[in-house]
Every structure is written in C-alpha cells, then in structure tokens.
Amino acid sequence: MSENCIFCKIVAGEIPSKKVYEDELVFAFHDIHPQRPVHILVIPKRHLASLQDATPADEPALGRLLAVANQLATEAGSSGGFRVIINNGEIGCQEVPHLHAHIVGGDQPVGPMLKRLD
C-alpha cells in the first residue's frame, strides 16, 4: 500500500467508494465521474503504479482484473459489448498513479466516443 495513493486508501476503506467487487487480488468500484451508463474501475489491491511497472509476479492480478472486467460489465448490462481502457503514464493520460482499468459500456455513446479505435 502506498500511503499517498487515493486508490490504496479506497482499498483500505479509508475513503468510501461504491464497491461492486472485491477478492484477494482486485477491487472494483463505480467511477465517481462516469462517462457512460456503465463505468466501473477495477484495480489490483497491491499498489502497482502503472502497467509499465508490472512484472511476471503481477500476472495473477492482471489476469483476474480482465476476468472481473468481463463479469462486471456483463452483470451491469453491457453483454453486447464494452470497453476496457487502461491509461498508462503521462502520455497515456493516466491521472492516478495506481494501475486501473476503466470498464465502460451501456448505451451507444455519441460524439467523439463513437470513433472506433481499430
């Protein structure tokens, strides 16, 4: 746990969140500024600043993060599709230095979010 990390404080229960899932490896909660009807953050419980810092020892948590993302998106009504977004580092627009995946879905977005990434 990093003592100055807001996500570590959420995992520790020091800052309230709308938790939707927790196990020994990951923690998931609703984003406080949702961009879509479904907008959930999934984070490893152990502090990991970014994907760049991941090592082979982090593979179990990273795999669980993706499995939980699928489960939560489907349970929240996004069975027809959703996005998993991991911003990495300053150039990747990562705002909180704790690895996190945004799970976004729900109604089809309008405007710039409609653009395909492939």
Protein backbone atom coordinates (compact mmCIF):
# COMPACT_ATOMS: atom_id res chain seq x y z
CA MET A 1 0.00 0.00 0.00
CA SER A 2 1.23 3.44 -0.88
CA GLU A 3 0.28 5.85 1.88
CA ASN A 4 -0.44 8.76 -0.51
CA CYS A 5 -2.34 6.76 -3.14
CA ILE A 6 -6.07 7.51 -3.32
CA PHE A 7 -6.84 4.03 -4.71
CA CYS A 8 -4.84 2.33 -1.93
CA LYS A 9 -6.91 4.35 0.55
CA ILE A 10 -10.12 3.18 -1.15
CA VAL A 11 -8.98 -0.46 -0.92
CA ALA A 12 -8.14 0.06 2.77
CA GLY A 13 -11.60 1.54 3.45
CA GLU A 14 -10.16 4.94 4.40
CA ILE A 15 -12.03 6.62 1.55
CA PRO A 16 -15.59 5.50 0.77
CA SER A 17 -16.47 4.05 -2.62
CA LYS A 18 -19.39 2.34 -4.30
CA LYS A 19 -17.75 -1.08 -4.26
CA VAL A 20 -19.06 -3.66 -6.70
CA TYR A 21 -16.47 -6.43 -6.30
CA GLU A 22 -13.57 -7.49 -4.10
CA ASP A 23 -11.42 -10.58 -3.78
CA GLU A 24 -7.86 -11.24 -2.63
CA LEU A 25 -6.31 -9.71 -5.79
CA VAL A 26 -8.58 -6.97 -7.15
CA PHE A 27 -11.08 -4.35 -6.06
CA ALA A 28 -13.78 -2.77 -8.26
CA PHE A 29 -15.93 0.30 -7.73
CA HIS A 30 -18.08 2.77 -9.65
CA ASP A 31 -16.27 5.77 -11.12
CA ILE A 32 -17.23 8.99 -9.34
CA HIS A 33 -17.48 10.84 -12.69
CA PRO A 34 -19.00 8.22 -15.02
CA GLN A 35 -18.60 8.80 -18.75
CA ARG A 36 -21.14 6.13 -19.73
CA PRO A 37 -24.10 4.38 -18.04
CA VAL A 38 -21.66 1.64 -17.02
CA HIS A 39 -18.33 3.00 -15.75
CA ILE A 40 -16.50 0.82 -13.25
CA LEU A 41 -12.86 0.90 -12.20
CA VAL A 42 -11.04 -2.37 -11.50
CA ILE A 43 -7.70 -2.12 -9.69
CA PRO A 44 -5.15 -4.52 -8.27
CA LYS A 45 -5.27 -4.40 -4.48
CA ARG A 46 -1.48 -4.32 -4.28
CA HIS A 47 -0.12 -0.93 -5.26
CA LEU A 48 1.17 -1.05 -8.81
CA ALA A 49 1.77 2.43 -10.21
CA SER A 50 1.25 1.58 -13.88
CA LEU A 51 1.23 -1.21 -16.41
CA GLN A 52 4.85 -0.28 -17.18
CA ASP A 53 5.76 -1.39 -13.65
CA ALA A 54 4.14 -4.81 -13.93
CA THR A 55 6.35 -7.88 -13.59
CA PRO A 56 5.65 -11.59 -14.09
CA ALA A 57 4.68 -11.69 -10.40
CA ASP A 58 1.73 -9.43 -11.24
CA GLU A 59 0.28 -11.80 -13.85
CA PRO A 60 -2.31 -13.37 -11.50
CA ALA A 61 -3.73 -9.95 -10.57
CA LEU A 62 -3.67 -8.72 -14.18
CA GLY A 63 -5.49 -11.83 -15.38
CA ARG A 64 -8.07 -11.52 -12.62
CA LEU A 65 -8.53 -7.84 -13.47
CA LEU A 66 -9.58 -8.73 -17.02
CA ALA A 67 -11.77 -11.64 -15.95
CA VAL A 68 -13.55 -9.45 -13.40
CA ALA A 69 -13.94 -6.69 -16.00
CA ASN A 70 -15.88 -9.08 -18.23
CA GLN A 71 -18.00 -10.35 -15.35
CA LEU A 72 -18.90 -6.89 -14.04
CA ALA A 73 -19.65 -5.39 -17.47
CA THR A 74 -21.96 -8.29 -18.28
CA GLU A 75 -23.69 -8.10 -14.88
CA ALA A 76 -24.16 -4.34 -15.33
CA GLY A 77 -26.00 -4.83 -18.62
CA SER A 78 -23.21 -4.50 -21.19
CA SER A 79 -23.33 -8.05 -22.51
CA GLY A 80 -23.45 -6.73 -26.10
CA GLY A 81 -20.07 -5.06 -25.73
CA PHE A 82 -17.98 -2.77 -23.60
CA ARG A 83 -14.53 -1.17 -23.48
CA VAL A 84 -11.65 -1.91 -21.16
CA ILE A 85 -9.35 1.12 -21.06
CA ILE A 86 -6.01 1.24 -19.26
CA ASN A 87 -4.29 4.62 -19.44
CA ASN A 88 -0.57 4.25 -18.87
CA GLY A 89 1.81 7.02 -17.87
CA GLU A 90 1.63 10.73 -18.55
CA ILE A 91 1.49 10.41 -22.34
CA GLY A 92 -1.24 7.77 -21.94
CA CYS A 93 -3.30 10.24 -19.84
CA GLN A 94 -3.04 8.23 -16.59
CA GLU A 95 -4.28 10.56 -13.84
CA VAL A 96 -3.98 8.32 -10.76
CA PRO A 97 -0.63 6.56 -10.31
CA HIS A 98 -2.20 3.19 -9.44
CA LEU A 99 -2.93 0.79 -12.30
CA HIS A 100 -6.64 0.77 -13.06
CA ALA A 101 -8.91 -0.37 -15.86
CA HIS A 102 -11.98 1.62 -16.84
CA ILE A 103 -14.86 -0.66 -17.77
CA VAL A 104 -17.26 1.43 -19.86
CA GLY A 105 -20.44 0.37 -21.58
CA GLY A 106 -24.16 0.78 -21.71
CA ASP A 107 -25.99 2.87 -24.30
CA GLN A 108 -24.13 3.70 -27.50
CA PRO A 109 -22.15 6.92 -27.00
CA VAL A 110 -22.49 9.98 -29.20
CA GLY A 111 -19.76 12.29 -30.47
CA PRO A 112 -16.04 11.52 -30.23
CA MET A 113 -16.50 8.37 -28.10
CA LEU A 114 -18.25 6.77 -31.08
CA LYS A 115 -14.97 6.63 -33.05
CA ARG A 116 -13.57 3.10 -33.41
CA LEU A 117 -10.03 2.53 -32.25
CA ASP A 118 -9.15 -0.20 -34.77
